[in-house]
Amino acid sequence: MNAISKALQKARRVVFFGGAGVSVPSGIPDFRGENGLYAREYDGLTAEMLLSH
């Protein structure tokens, strides 16, 4: 951890790639869950309808 901390302090820019294991507990919705982004409607259209055309 000390090496990572030093590297981050020296870095001019940092990029973090996280997945559902990080985002969902942080409150960012997933795509396929019960209340996920694919379950929502956008102007009356479902994600399935939007992605199929």
C-alpha atoms as a PDB file:
ATOM      1  CA  MET A   1       0.000   0.000   0.000  1.00  0.00           C
ATOM      2  CA  ASN A   2       2.832   2.383   0.719  1.00  0.00           C
ATOM      3  CA  ALA A   3       4.193   1.963  -2.818  1.00  0.00           C
ATOM      4  CA  ILE A   4       0.742   2.619  -4.291  1.00  0.00           C
ATOM      5  CA  SER A   5       0.326   5.704  -2.126  1.00  0.00           C
ATOM      6  CA  LYS A   6       3.669   7.105  -3.251  1.00  0.00           C
ATOM      7  CA  ALA A   7       2.919   6.385  -6.902  1.00  0.00           C
ATOM      8  CA  LEU A   8      -0.440   8.186  -6.650  1.00  0.00           C
ATOM      9  CA  GLN A   9       1.164  11.187  -4.984  1.00  0.00           C
ATOM     10  CA  LYS A  10       3.743  11.475  -7.777  1.00  0.00           C
ATOM     11  CA  ALA A  11       1.269  10.941 -10.610  1.00  0.00           C
ATOM     12  CA  ARG A  12       0.049  13.872 -12.661  1.00  0.00           C
ATOM     13  CA  ARG A  13      -3.117  11.994 -13.617  1.00  0.00           C
ATOM     14  CA  VAL A  14      -4.861   8.905 -12.308  1.00  0.00           C
ATOM     15  CA  VAL A  15      -7.428   6.714 -14.048  1.00  0.00           C
ATOM     16  CA  PHE A  16      -9.535   4.235 -12.092  1.00  0.00           C
ATOM     17  CA  PHE A  17     -11.459   1.448 -13.787  1.00  0.00           C
ATOM     18  CA  GLY A  18     -14.163   0.017 -11.569  1.00  0.00           C
ATOM     19  CA  GLY A  19     -16.970  -2.399 -12.168  1.00  0.00           C
ATOM     20  CA  ALA A  20     -20.297  -3.259 -10.574  1.00  0.00           C
ATOM     21  CA  GLY A  21     -18.522  -4.473  -7.471  1.00  0.00           C
ATOM     22  CA  VAL A  22     -17.518  -0.883  -6.763  1.00  0.00           C
ATOM     23  CA  SER A  23     -20.286   1.144  -8.372  1.00  0.00           C
ATOM     24  CA  VAL A  24     -23.431  -0.561  -7.042  1.00  0.00           C
ATOM     25  CA  PRO A  25     -22.477  -0.255  -3.339  1.00  0.00           C
ATOM     26  CA  SER A  26     -21.669   3.403  -4.077  1.00  0.00           C
ATOM     27  CA  GLY A  27     -25.224   4.043  -5.277  1.00  0.00           C
ATOM     28  CA  ILE A  28     -24.607   3.936  -9.039  1.00  0.00           C
ATOM     29  CA  PRO A  29     -27.315   1.723 -10.598  1.00  0.00           C
ATOM     30  CA  ASP A  30     -26.402  -1.414 -12.486  1.00  0.00           C
ATOM     31  CA  PHE A  31     -27.809  -2.223 -15.914  1.00  0.00           C
ATOM     32  CA  ARG A  32     -29.710  -5.489 -15.470  1.00  0.00           C
ATOM     33  CA  GLY A  33     -30.934  -5.347 -11.861  1.00  0.00           C
ATOM     34  CA  GLU A  34     -34.555  -4.909 -10.826  1.00  0.00           C
ATOM     35  CA  ASN A  35     -34.144  -1.119 -10.729  1.00  0.00           C
ATOM     36  CA  GLY A  36     -31.268  -0.986 -13.184  1.00  0.00           C
ATOM     37  CA  LEU A  37     -30.913   1.219 -16.229  1.00  0.00           C
ATOM     38  CA  TYR A  38     -32.385  -1.446 -18.537  1.00  0.00           C
ATOM     39  CA  ALA A  39     -35.572  -1.589 -16.411  1.00  0.00           C
ATOM     40  CA  ARG A  40     -36.320   2.119 -16.909  1.00  0.00           C
ATOM     41  CA  GLU A  41     -38.318   3.725 -19.688  1.00  0.00           C
ATOM     42  CA  TYR A  42     -37.083   6.689 -21.677  1.00  0.00           C
ATOM     43  CA  ASP A  43     -39.837   8.752 -23.313  1.00  0.00           C
ATOM     44  CA  GLY A  44     -42.050   5.667 -23.188  1.00  0.00           C
ATOM     45  CA  LEU A  45     -39.429   3.400 -24.762  1.00  0.00           C
ATOM     46  CA  THR A  46     -37.720   0.516 -22.988  1.00  0.00           C
ATOM     47  CA  ALA A  47     -33.995  -0.118 -23.300  1.00  0.00           C
ATOM     48  CA  GLU A  48     -34.786  -3.238 -25.343  1.00  0.00           C
ATOM     49  CA  MET A  49     -36.750  -1.153 -27.848  1.00  0.00           C
ATOM     50  CA  LEU A  50     -34.018   1.472 -28.068  1.00  0.00           C
ATOM     51  CA  LEU A  51     -31.207  -1.053 -28.491  1.00  0.00           C
ATOM     52  CA  SER A  52     -33.019  -3.173 -31.093  1.00  0.00           C
ATOM     53  CA  HIS A  53     -33.247  -0.421 -33.707  1.00  0.00           C
END
